[in-house]
Amino acid sequence: MRDELGRWLGRDDLRVEQISGGASNLTYRVSGGADDWVLRRPPAFVTATSNDMEREWTVLRALEGSGVPVPRVVRTCQDPGVLGAPFYLMERLDGIVYRSARDVAHLDEAQARACADELVDVLAALHAIDPATVGLESFGRPDGFLERQLRRWGRQWEQTRFGDVPEIDETLRRLGAAVPASGRPAIVHGDYSLNNVMFRRDRPTAMAGVLDWEMSTLGDPLTDVGLLVLYWGDTGAALWDGTQAHRANPGFGTTAELMARYATASGRDLGTIDFYVALATIKIAIIVAGARMRVVSTDPERARRAETKTRQLAGIALEAAERLSR
C-alpha cells in the first residue's frame, strides 16, 4: 500500500500503519514529513449497501465548520486502480475514544456526566442542521425512510442468512406493521455511539470529532437515538460483557437520563422510541450475521461467536417488537 499511495501522492517519505481492520472499513495512519493523516477504505468483501467511502467523505466535507466536530478531509480517490477500492485521507485527530474502563479512568463523575451530555448535545446539533444549508439536500430520501430501512435490512439478511433464525424474519414483519410517522427529517449518522466519537486530550469533556460516517444519510433522526439507547442499556452490556466505558463510571447516567437530555436539546418527541430500539437491535443482529459470513471459512471460532450473538440479538429484538402490539 505504501508504494501505491506514494505514487498517487507523489511522495516517497510515507509511513503506513494499520489502525483497525476486519469486517468494517479499514483504517490506516499515514504520516510523512509534517503530515499526519488517517486513510479510510473498504475491506476486500463488502455487501451492496455497506462500506460507502464516497458517502463518508461527502458528509465530512459538508459538516466542516457546521458546529458538529468532524475531521477535515484532505484528499479523496474514486479510482479503485490505486489501492483496489475508493478511499480518502483525512486529518488525524489527537484525542481519545472512550471504549473501555481504562479510557475513562481519568474522569470523575462530574466529568463523565459532562461527556454524556456532550455526546447527546452533539447528536441533537447534528439533527438540527438543515441539510440544504450544508449542501446535503440530495444526500438521501427522507420520505418513506423507515419502510426503506426495513426493506434494506431484509435484503441484507437475505445476503447473510444462515441456518434457522425465524426471530429475524418475524421481527422485520412486526416492525413493518408498526411503522410510526417520522418527524422532521435530518442528517442521520447511522451508528452514533461513544465508540464512534473522539474526545479531546486537553479538554476531556469536549468532543474532538464524530467518526465513521459510512452509514449516514437523510432520514428519521430517532434511528440514531434508538441505536444509542441500545448501546447504552442492558442489551449493549450483554453484547460487550459490560466492558463499555460508560458502565465504568456512574456519572455517565442512565438511558432514561440520556433520552431526557436529547428530548430537551432537540425538542423531539420520544414517545415511539421503542420502535426505534427494536429496529436498532435487529439491525445489529443482521450486521453481526454479515460479520460471521466474512470469516466463516477462515476463522470458525469467530464465526461461531458471531452466530451465537446474532441469535441472542434476534431474540431480544423479537421481544421488543412484540411489545409494540400490546
Protein backbone atom coordinates (compact mmCIF):
# COMPACT_ATOMS: atom_id res chain seq x y z
CA MET A 1 0.00 0.00 0.00
CA ARG A 2 2.75 2.47 0.88
CA ASP A 3 4.31 2.39 -2.59
CA GLU A 4 0.99 2.71 -4.43
CA LEU A 5 -0.16 5.53 -2.17
CA GLY A 6 3.20 7.24 -2.51
CA ARG A 7 2.99 7.18 -6.29
CA TRP A 8 -0.53 8.61 -6.19
CA LEU A 9 0.56 11.44 -3.88
CA GLY A 10 3.95 11.94 -5.49
CA ARG A 11 5.67 11.17 -2.17
CA ASP A 12 8.48 8.81 -1.20
CA ASP A 13 8.56 9.54 2.53
CA LEU A 14 5.34 7.92 3.68
CA ARG A 15 4.87 5.59 6.64
CA VAL A 16 1.69 3.49 6.74
CA GLU A 17 0.39 1.69 9.82
CA GLN A 18 -2.93 -0.14 10.07
CA ILE A 19 -5.03 1.12 12.98
CA SER A 20 -8.04 -1.16 12.68
CA GLY A 21 -9.47 -3.65 10.25
CA GLY A 22 -11.73 -6.64 9.77
CA ALA A 23 -15.39 -6.66 8.82
CA SER A 24 -15.79 -2.88 8.87
CA ASN A 25 -13.88 -0.27 6.92
CA LEU A 26 -10.10 -0.44 7.15
CA THR A 27 -8.30 2.45 8.82
CA TYR A 28 -4.61 3.36 8.48
CA ARG A 29 -2.36 6.06 9.86
CA VAL A 30 -0.35 7.70 7.06
CA SER A 31 2.48 10.03 8.00
CA GLY A 32 5.40 11.72 6.30
CA GLY A 33 7.23 14.96 6.90
CA ALA A 34 4.88 17.34 8.73
CA ASP A 35 1.78 15.44 7.57
CA ASP A 36 -0.18 13.07 9.79
CA TRP A 37 -3.32 11.63 8.23
CA VAL A 38 -5.84 8.81 8.50
CA LEU A 39 -6.77 6.76 5.44
CA ARG A 40 -10.14 5.00 5.22
CA ARG A 41 -11.04 2.32 2.66
CA PRO A 42 -13.45 -0.64 2.46
CA PRO A 43 -12.41 -4.23 3.24
CA ALA A 44 -11.96 -6.73 0.43
CA PHE A 45 -15.52 -8.05 0.82
CA VAL A 46 -18.47 -5.70 1.12
CA THR A 47 -22.21 -6.03 0.75
CA ALA A 48 -24.07 -3.84 -1.69
CA THR A 49 -25.20 -1.23 0.83
CA SER A 50 -22.23 -1.02 3.17
CA ASN A 51 -18.76 0.48 3.37
CA ASP A 52 -19.54 3.53 1.19
CA MET A 53 -16.44 5.71 1.09
CA GLU A 54 -17.98 8.45 -1.05
CA ARG A 55 -20.79 8.79 1.49
CA GLU A 56 -18.27 9.28 4.28
CA TRP A 57 -16.20 11.94 2.62
CA THR A 58 -19.26 13.77 1.28
CA VAL A 59 -20.80 14.25 4.71
CA LEU A 60 -17.45 15.09 6.35
CA ARG A 61 -16.79 17.83 3.82
CA ALA A 62 -20.32 19.18 4.22
CA LEU A 63 -20.15 19.34 8.01
CA GLU A 64 -16.78 21.09 8.19
CA GLY A 65 -17.42 24.34 10.04
CA SER A 66 -21.01 23.40 10.85
CA GLY A 67 -20.60 23.24 14.62
CA VAL A 68 -20.65 19.43 14.60
CA PRO A 69 -16.99 18.46 15.13
CA VAL A 70 -15.58 16.32 12.31
CA PRO A 71 -12.07 15.65 10.96
CA ARG A 72 -11.09 17.61 7.85
CA VAL A 73 -10.93 15.65 4.59
CA VAL A 74 -7.56 16.10 2.86
CA ARG A 75 -7.97 14.16 -0.41
CA THR A 76 -10.31 11.61 -1.95
CA CYS A 77 -9.80 8.91 -4.58
CA GLN A 78 -12.59 7.21 -6.52
CA ASP A 79 -10.22 5.21 -8.72
CA PRO A 80 -10.07 1.59 -7.48
CA GLY A 81 -6.92 1.11 -9.52
CA VAL A 82 -4.83 2.94 -6.92
CA LEU A 83 -5.47 0.81 -3.81
CA GLY A 84 -8.09 -1.64 -5.04
CA ALA A 85 -11.04 0.41 -3.75
CA PRO A 86 -12.10 4.05 -3.30
CA PHE A 87 -10.51 5.73 -0.29
CA TYR A 88 -9.92 9.08 1.34
CA LEU A 89 -7.39 10.81 3.56
CA MET A 90 -8.45 12.97 6.50
CA GLU A 91 -6.61 14.80 9.23
CA ARG A 92 -5.63 12.68 12.21
CA LEU A 93 -7.26 13.92 15.40
CA ASP A 94 -5.21 13.62 18.58
CA GLY A 95 -7.85 12.53 21.04
CA ILE A 96 -9.33 9.62 22.98
CA VAL A 97 -12.16 7.26 22.05
CA TYR A 98 -13.85 6.20 25.29
CA ARG A 99 -14.21 2.48 24.58
CA SER A 100 -13.29 0.87 27.91
CA ALA A 101 -12.92 1.47 31.63
CA ARG A 102 -9.25 2.25 31.13
CA ASP A 103 -10.10 5.04 28.69
CA VAL A 104 -12.26 6.87 31.24
CA ALA A 105 -10.20 6.20 34.36
CA HIS A 106 -9.10 9.86 34.40
CA LEU A 107 -12.68 11.17 34.59
CA ASP A 108 -14.53 11.93 37.82
CA GLU A 109 -18.31 11.57 37.98
CA ALA A 110 -18.98 15.21 37.07
CA GLN A 111 -16.73 14.91 34.02
CA ALA A 112 -18.41 11.66 33.00
CA ARG A 113 -21.80 13.38 33.12
CA ALA A 114 -20.41 16.25 31.06
CA CYS A 115 -19.19 13.72 28.47
CA ALA A 116 -22.61 12.07 28.28
CA ASP A 117 -24.23 15.48 27.89
CA GLU A 118 -21.76 16.38 25.14
CA LEU A 119 -22.49 13.09 23.35
CA VAL A 120 -26.22 13.83 23.33
CA ASP A 121 -25.89 17.55 22.58
CA VAL A 122 -23.69 16.93 19.53
CA LEU A 123 -26.23 14.42 18.22
CA ALA A 124 -29.04 16.93 18.74
CA ALA A 125 -26.94 19.59 16.99
CA LEU A 126 -26.43 17.26 14.01
CA HIS A 127 -30.16 16.61 13.82
CA ALA A 128 -30.88 20.36 13.99
CA ILE A 129 -28.88 21.17 10.83
CA ASP A 130 -30.94 21.98 7.75
CA PRO A 131 -29.35 19.67 5.15
CA ALA A 132 -29.79 22.28 2.42
CA THR A 133 -27.63 24.79 4.30
CA VAL A 134 -24.62 22.45 4.09
CA GLY A 135 -25.26 21.15 0.58
CA LEU A 136 -26.75 17.81 1.63
CA GLU A 137 -30.31 18.31 0.40
CA SER A 138 -29.82 15.38 -2.02
CA PHE A 139 -27.92 13.15 0.39
CA GLY A 140 -30.89 10.84 0.94
CA ARG A 141 -34.65 10.40 0.52
CA PRO A 142 -36.43 11.13 3.82
CA ASP A 143 -39.90 10.19 2.53
CA GLY A 144 -40.57 6.54 3.31
CA PHE A 145 -37.25 6.28 5.16
CA LEU A 146 -38.34 3.77 7.80
CA GLU A 147 -40.03 1.49 5.28
CA ARG A 148 -36.88 1.52 3.15
CA GLN A 149 -34.77 0.78 6.20
CA LEU A 150 -36.80 -2.33 6.86
CA ARG A 151 -36.52 -3.42 3.23
CA ARG A 152 -32.80 -2.71 3.20
CA TRP A 153 -32.09 -4.76 6.30
CA GLY A 154 -34.34 -7.51 4.99
CA ARG A 155 -32.20 -7.65 1.84
CA GLN A 156 -29.06 -7.56 3.95
CA TRP A 157 -30.33 -10.53 5.92
CA GLU A 158 -31.02 -12.44 2.71
CA GLN A 159 -27.37 -11.91 1.72
CA THR A 160 -26.01 -13.14 5.05
CA ARG A 161 -28.70 -15.62 6.17
CA PHE A 162 -27.58 -18.81 7.88
CA GLY A 163 -29.39 -21.73 9.47
CA ASP A 164 -32.82 -21.17 11.00
CA VAL A 165 -33.25 -17.80 12.75
CA PRO A 166 -37.01 -17.15 12.43
CA GLU A 167 -36.82 -14.37 15.03
CA ILE A 168 -35.23 -12.05 12.47
CA ASP A 169 -37.95 -12.56 9.87
CA GLU A 170 -40.71 -12.21 12.47
CA THR A 171 -39.18 -9.05 13.94
CA LEU A 172 -38.96 -7.45 10.49
CA ARG A 173 -42.59 -8.41 9.84
CA ARG A 174 -43.81 -6.93 13.13
CA LEU A 175 -41.83 -3.72 12.65
CA GLY A 176 -43.28 -3.38 9.16
CA ALA A 177 -46.75 -3.44 10.68
CA ALA A 178 -45.94 -0.81 13.31
CA VAL A 179 -44.03 1.91 11.46
CA PRO A 180 -44.54 5.27 13.24
CA ALA A 181 -44.93 8.59 11.46
CA SER A 182 -41.48 10.17 11.15
CA GLY A 183 -40.93 13.67 12.40
CA ARG A 184 -38.82 16.37 10.79
CA PRO A 185 -36.07 14.67 8.70
CA ALA A 186 -32.42 15.25 9.49
CA ILE A 187 -28.86 14.19 8.74
CA VAL A 188 -28.58 10.73 10.30
CA HIS A 189 -25.19 9.35 11.36
CA GLY A 190 -26.29 5.71 11.31
CA ASP A 191 -24.03 4.32 14.07
CA TYR A 192 -23.72 7.02 16.72
CA SER A 193 -22.14 5.90 20.00
CA LEU A 194 -19.23 6.54 22.36
CA ASN A 195 -17.19 4.15 20.20
CA ASN A 196 -17.59 6.40 17.16
CA VAL A 197 -16.68 9.76 18.66
CA MET A 198 -13.36 11.12 19.91
CA PHE A 199 -12.87 13.41 22.91
CA ARG A 200 -10.05 15.92 23.28
CA ARG A 201 -6.99 15.13 25.39
CA ASP A 202 -6.65 18.67 26.70
CA ARG A 203 -10.39 19.05 27.42
CA PRO A 204 -11.65 15.52 28.12
CA THR A 205 -15.33 16.51 28.22
CA ALA A 206 -15.22 18.26 24.82
CA MET A 207 -15.69 16.25 21.65
CA ALA A 208 -12.87 16.41 19.10
CA GLY A 209 -14.78 14.73 16.29
CA VAL A 210 -17.56 12.39 15.20
CA LEU A 211 -16.15 9.44 13.22
CA ASP A 212 -17.31 6.55 10.99
CA TRP A 213 -19.97 8.10 8.74
CA GLU A 214 -20.29 5.19 6.30
CA MET A 215 -24.00 4.68 7.09
CA SER A 216 -25.01 8.35 7.12
CA THR A 217 -27.99 9.63 5.12
CA LEU A 218 -31.06 11.87 5.37
CA GLY A 219 -33.93 10.34 7.28
CA ASP A 220 -35.57 9.86 10.64
CA PRO A 221 -33.17 11.06 13.37
CA LEU A 222 -34.75 8.84 16.01
CA THR A 223 -32.99 5.89 14.36
CA ASP A 224 -29.77 7.39 15.78
CA VAL A 225 -31.36 7.75 19.19
CA GLY A 226 -32.70 4.19 19.18
CA LEU A 227 -29.26 2.81 18.43
CA LEU A 228 -27.63 4.96 21.11
CA VAL A 229 -30.22 3.74 23.63
CA LEU A 230 -29.48 0.13 22.61
CA TYR A 231 -25.75 0.58 23.14
CA TRP A 232 -26.29 2.38 26.46
CA GLY A 233 -28.65 -0.14 28.02
CA ASP A 234 -28.73 -3.78 29.10
CA THR A 235 -28.55 -5.15 25.55
CA GLY A 236 -25.29 -3.30 24.97
CA ALA A 237 -23.96 -4.59 28.27
CA ALA A 238 -24.77 -8.17 27.26
CA LEU A 239 -23.11 -7.73 23.89
CA TRP A 240 -19.88 -6.34 25.26
CA ASP A 241 -19.88 -8.16 28.61
CA GLY A 242 -20.36 -4.90 30.49
CA THR A 243 -16.94 -3.61 29.43
CA GLN A 244 -18.22 -0.38 27.84
CA ALA A 245 -16.68 2.84 29.08
CA HIS A 246 -19.93 4.38 30.27
CA ARG A 247 -20.51 1.46 32.64
CA ALA A 248 -17.23 2.11 34.43
CA ASN A 249 -18.40 5.44 35.88
CA PRO A 250 -21.94 6.10 37.23
CA GLY A 251 -21.59 9.73 36.18
CA PHE A 252 -22.40 8.78 32.60
CA GLY A 253 -26.01 8.24 33.69
CA THR A 254 -28.89 6.01 32.62
CA THR A 255 -30.68 5.55 29.32
CA ALA A 256 -33.67 7.47 30.74
CA GLU A 257 -31.41 10.43 31.50
CA LEU A 258 -29.84 10.18 28.07
CA MET A 259 -33.25 10.28 26.37
CA ALA A 260 -34.46 13.15 28.56
CA ARG A 261 -31.39 15.17 27.61
CA TYR A 262 -31.97 14.51 23.91
CA ALA A 263 -35.67 15.37 24.10
CA THR A 264 -34.85 18.70 25.76
CA ALA A 265 -31.94 19.53 23.44
CA SER A 266 -33.75 18.56 20.23
CA GLY A 267 -37.38 19.35 21.02
CA ARG A 268 -38.36 15.99 19.54
CA ASP A 269 -40.99 13.62 20.92
CA LEU A 270 -39.59 10.23 22.00
CA GLY A 271 -42.99 8.61 22.55
CA THR A 272 -42.32 5.97 19.87
CA ILE A 273 -38.72 5.23 20.87
CA ASP A 274 -39.48 1.52 21.49
CA PHE A 275 -39.92 1.02 17.74
CA TYR A 276 -36.52 2.56 17.07
CA VAL A 277 -34.80 0.47 19.74
CA ALA A 278 -36.28 -2.72 18.24
CA LEU A 279 -35.18 -1.59 14.77
CA ALA A 280 -31.68 -0.88 16.06
CA THR A 281 -31.47 -4.31 17.68
CA ILE A 282 -32.45 -6.25 14.56
CA LYS A 283 -30.10 -4.09 12.50
CA ILE A 284 -27.16 -5.02 14.75
CA ALA A 285 -28.18 -8.69 14.63
CA ILE A 286 -28.01 -8.60 10.83
CA ILE A 287 -24.70 -6.74 10.86
CA VAL A 288 -23.24 -9.41 13.14
CA ALA A 289 -24.57 -12.06 10.76
CA GLY A 290 -22.68 -10.29 7.99
CA ALA A 291 -19.51 -10.33 10.07
CA ARG A 292 -20.00 -14.07 10.55
CA MET A 293 -20.24 -14.65 6.81
CA ARG A 294 -16.95 -12.84 6.19
CA VAL A 295 -14.99 -15.15 8.49
CA VAL A 296 -16.93 -18.42 8.31
CA SER A 297 -14.33 -20.07 6.05
CA THR A 298 -11.23 -18.54 7.69
CA ASP A 299 -11.98 -18.32 11.41
CA PRO A 300 -14.58 -20.90 12.53
CA GLU A 301 -14.38 -19.92 16.20
CA ARG A 302 -15.02 -16.26 15.46
CA ALA A 303 -17.87 -17.27 13.16
CA ARG A 304 -19.37 -19.42 15.92
CA ARG A 305 -19.30 -16.49 18.35
CA ALA A 306 -20.92 -14.24 15.76
CA GLU A 307 -23.66 -16.80 15.17
CA THR A 308 -24.38 -17.03 18.89
CA LYS A 309 -24.51 -13.25 19.17
CA THR A 310 -26.80 -12.97 16.14
CA ARG A 311 -29.27 -15.42 17.69
CA GLN A 312 -29.11 -13.61 21.04
CA LEU A 313 -29.81 -10.25 19.43
CA ALA A 314 -32.59 -11.66 17.27
CA GLY A 315 -34.36 -12.94 20.37
CA ILE A 316 -34.04 -9.56 22.12
CA ALA A 317 -35.30 -7.76 19.01
CA LEU A 318 -38.35 -10.01 18.76
CA GLU A 319 -39.22 -9.43 22.41
CA ALA A 320 -39.03 -5.68 21.79
CA ALA A 321 -41.13 -5.94 18.62
CA GLU A 322 -43.78 -8.00 20.40
CA ARG A 323 -44.19 -5.19 22.95
CA LEU A 324 -45.19 -2.78 20.18
CA SER A 325 -48.53 -4.55 19.65
CA ARG A 326 -49.50 -4.66 23.31
